[in-house]
Amino acid sequence: MAQTGITIDTRGQGLYEFTDAAADFVARAGGGEGLLTVFVRHTSCSLIIQENADPDVQRDLKAFFARLVPPATDPSMRYLVHRAEGPDDMPAHIKSALTQVSVGIPVQAGRLMLGTWQGLYLFEHRDRPHRRQIVLHLSG
């Protein structure tokens, strides 16, 4: 069993890949078989496993979520009450609730068992830069 934390500095909304950092941690931990649990310690961003080959996938995901959950300044979002940290705050919490803050990835022979085109991403839902903390926990 091993555990560590990583920090990702974001520049605003978007996907930030950290597959290599997670794979390096697993390799350094000397894990054979097990499970890597990844957890983000925030409520306005999330984690996703997504394609890492075509950047259009990231652009389309960002566009879809912007359309699905527009900023609080959009007339369709007038019902939102929580605006303490700006018009992107409550929409960011909604996007986080629709995705996930924890993912599990099987480990075999000390390697993440991700598919060929899969990458591990922090999905930032806020407009301004943030410093995000992620916990990596390897068991098995």
Protein backbone atom coordinates (compact mmCIF):
# COMPACT_ATOMS: atom_id res chain seq x y z
CA MET A 1 0.00 0.00 0.00
CA ALA A 2 1.25 3.49 -0.89
CA GLN A 3 -0.20 6.96 -1.03
CA THR A 4 0.87 10.36 -2.34
CA GLY A 5 -0.55 13.66 -3.44
CA ILE A 6 -0.05 15.69 -6.59
CA THR A 7 -0.94 19.29 -7.34
CA ILE A 8 -2.25 20.54 -10.66
CA ASP A 9 -2.26 24.26 -11.40
CA THR A 10 -5.12 25.00 -13.79
CA ARG A 11 -5.48 27.99 -16.11
CA GLY A 12 -9.30 27.91 -16.22
CA GLN A 13 -11.90 25.53 -17.59
CA GLY A 14 -10.58 22.52 -19.43
CA LEU A 15 -9.02 19.08 -19.13
CA TYR A 16 -5.59 18.61 -17.58
CA GLU A 17 -3.99 15.22 -18.17
CA PHE A 18 -1.96 13.64 -15.39
CA THR A 19 -1.72 10.04 -16.60
CA ASP A 20 2.09 10.09 -16.55
CA ALA A 21 2.23 11.33 -12.94
CA ALA A 22 -0.12 8.53 -11.85
CA ALA A 23 1.82 5.90 -13.82
CA ASP A 24 5.13 7.13 -12.35
CA PHE A 25 3.72 6.86 -8.82
CA VAL A 26 2.55 3.28 -9.45
CA ALA A 27 5.92 2.31 -10.94
CA ARG A 28 7.88 3.87 -8.05
CA ALA A 29 5.62 2.17 -5.50
CA GLY A 30 6.68 -1.18 -6.93
CA GLY A 31 3.10 -2.37 -7.12
CA GLY A 32 2.39 -5.68 -8.78
CA GLU A 33 -1.35 -6.22 -8.83
CA GLY A 34 -3.82 -3.89 -7.22
CA LEU A 35 -6.02 -0.86 -7.55
CA LEU A 36 -5.08 2.79 -7.88
CA THR A 37 -7.74 5.02 -6.36
CA VAL A 38 -7.57 8.64 -7.50
CA PHE A 39 -9.45 11.29 -5.52
CA VAL A 40 -9.69 15.05 -6.08
CA ARG A 41 -10.10 17.14 -2.91
CA HIS A 42 -12.40 19.83 -4.38
CA THR A 43 -16.09 20.35 -5.23
CA SER A 44 -15.83 22.47 -8.40
CA CYS A 45 -13.68 20.18 -10.54
CA SER A 46 -13.79 16.46 -11.22
CA LEU A 47 -11.91 13.47 -12.60
CA ILE A 48 -12.53 11.65 -15.86
CA ILE A 49 -10.90 8.93 -17.92
CA GLN A 50 -11.10 10.03 -21.51
CA GLU A 51 -9.46 9.75 -24.92
CA ASN A 52 -6.02 11.33 -25.04
CA ALA A 53 -5.28 11.06 -28.78
CA ASP A 54 -7.54 13.61 -30.48
CA PRO A 55 -7.75 17.11 -28.93
CA ASP A 56 -11.19 17.56 -30.54
CA VAL A 57 -12.57 15.23 -27.85
CA GLN A 58 -11.50 17.67 -25.14
CA ARG A 59 -12.91 20.66 -27.03
CA ASP A 60 -16.21 18.88 -27.60
CA LEU A 61 -16.52 17.79 -23.95
CA LYS A 62 -15.87 21.34 -22.77
CA ALA A 63 -18.43 22.72 -25.26
CA PHE A 64 -21.03 20.10 -24.28
CA PHE A 65 -20.73 20.83 -20.56
CA ALA A 66 -20.88 24.59 -21.21
CA ARG A 67 -24.14 24.04 -23.08
CA LEU A 68 -25.51 21.57 -20.55
CA VAL A 69 -24.71 23.82 -17.58
CA PRO A 70 -24.31 27.48 -18.63
CA PRO A 71 -22.91 30.16 -16.29
CA ALA A 72 -25.22 31.65 -13.66
CA THR A 73 -25.43 34.84 -15.77
CA ASP A 74 -27.40 32.91 -18.42
CA PRO A 75 -31.15 33.71 -18.14
CA SER A 76 -31.95 29.99 -17.94
CA MET A 77 -29.94 29.77 -14.70
CA ARG A 78 -31.71 32.58 -12.77
CA TYR A 79 -32.99 30.07 -10.24
CA LEU A 80 -29.47 29.49 -8.81
CA VAL A 81 -28.94 30.98 -5.36
CA HIS A 82 -25.27 30.20 -4.61
CA ARG A 83 -23.22 32.95 -6.30
CA ALA A 84 -20.76 33.79 -3.51
CA GLU A 85 -17.68 33.03 -5.61
CA GLY A 86 -18.91 34.28 -8.97
CA PRO A 87 -21.21 33.22 -11.81
CA ASP A 88 -19.16 30.11 -12.66
CA ASP A 89 -19.15 28.71 -9.11
CA MET A 90 -22.52 26.95 -8.81
CA PRO A 91 -22.39 25.71 -12.42
CA ALA A 92 -18.97 24.23 -11.56
CA HIS A 93 -20.49 22.40 -8.57
CA ILE A 94 -23.25 21.03 -10.83
CA LYS A 95 -20.72 19.81 -13.42
CA SER A 96 -18.71 18.15 -10.66
CA ALA A 97 -21.86 16.41 -9.36
CA LEU A 98 -22.57 15.09 -12.88
CA THR A 99 -19.10 13.59 -13.25
CA GLN A 100 -16.97 12.08 -10.47
CA VAL A 101 -14.42 13.03 -7.84
CA SER A 102 -12.91 9.55 -7.51
CA VAL A 103 -11.89 6.88 -10.01
CA GLY A 104 -10.36 3.43 -9.64
CA ILE A 105 -7.86 2.01 -12.11
CA PRO A 106 -6.68 -1.61 -11.99
CA VAL A 107 -2.92 -2.16 -11.78
CA GLN A 108 -1.20 -5.21 -13.24
CA ALA A 109 2.54 -5.91 -13.21
CA GLY A 110 3.09 -2.39 -11.83
CA ARG A 111 1.27 -0.68 -14.73
CA LEU A 112 -2.05 1.12 -15.02
CA MET A 113 -4.48 -1.01 -17.02
CA LEU A 114 -5.78 1.91 -19.09
CA GLY A 115 -6.84 1.30 -22.68
CA THR A 116 -4.71 2.40 -25.62
CA TRP A 117 -6.29 5.84 -25.99
CA GLN A 118 -7.34 6.43 -22.39
CA GLY A 119 -5.89 9.20 -20.24
CA LEU A 120 -6.58 10.37 -16.71
CA TYR A 121 -7.74 13.99 -16.47
CA LEU A 122 -8.61 16.65 -13.97
CA PHE A 123 -11.67 18.39 -15.42
CA GLU A 124 -11.55 22.01 -14.24
CA HIS A 125 -14.98 23.63 -14.18
CA ARG A 126 -14.01 27.11 -12.93
CA ASP A 127 -13.01 30.04 -15.17
CA ARG A 128 -10.08 31.35 -13.18
CA PRO A 129 -6.87 29.45 -12.32
CA HIS A 130 -6.88 27.13 -9.32
CA ARG A 131 -4.39 24.91 -7.52
CA ARG A 132 -6.01 21.46 -7.32
CA GLN A 133 -4.93 18.65 -5.01
CA ILE A 134 -5.28 15.02 -6.02
CA VAL A 135 -4.67 11.99 -3.80
CA LEU A 136 -3.29 8.77 -5.33
CA HIS A 137 -3.76 5.63 -3.22
CA LEU A 138 -2.38 2.28 -4.37
CA SER A 139 -3.69 -0.85 -2.66
CA GLY A 140 -3.14 -4.50 -3.32
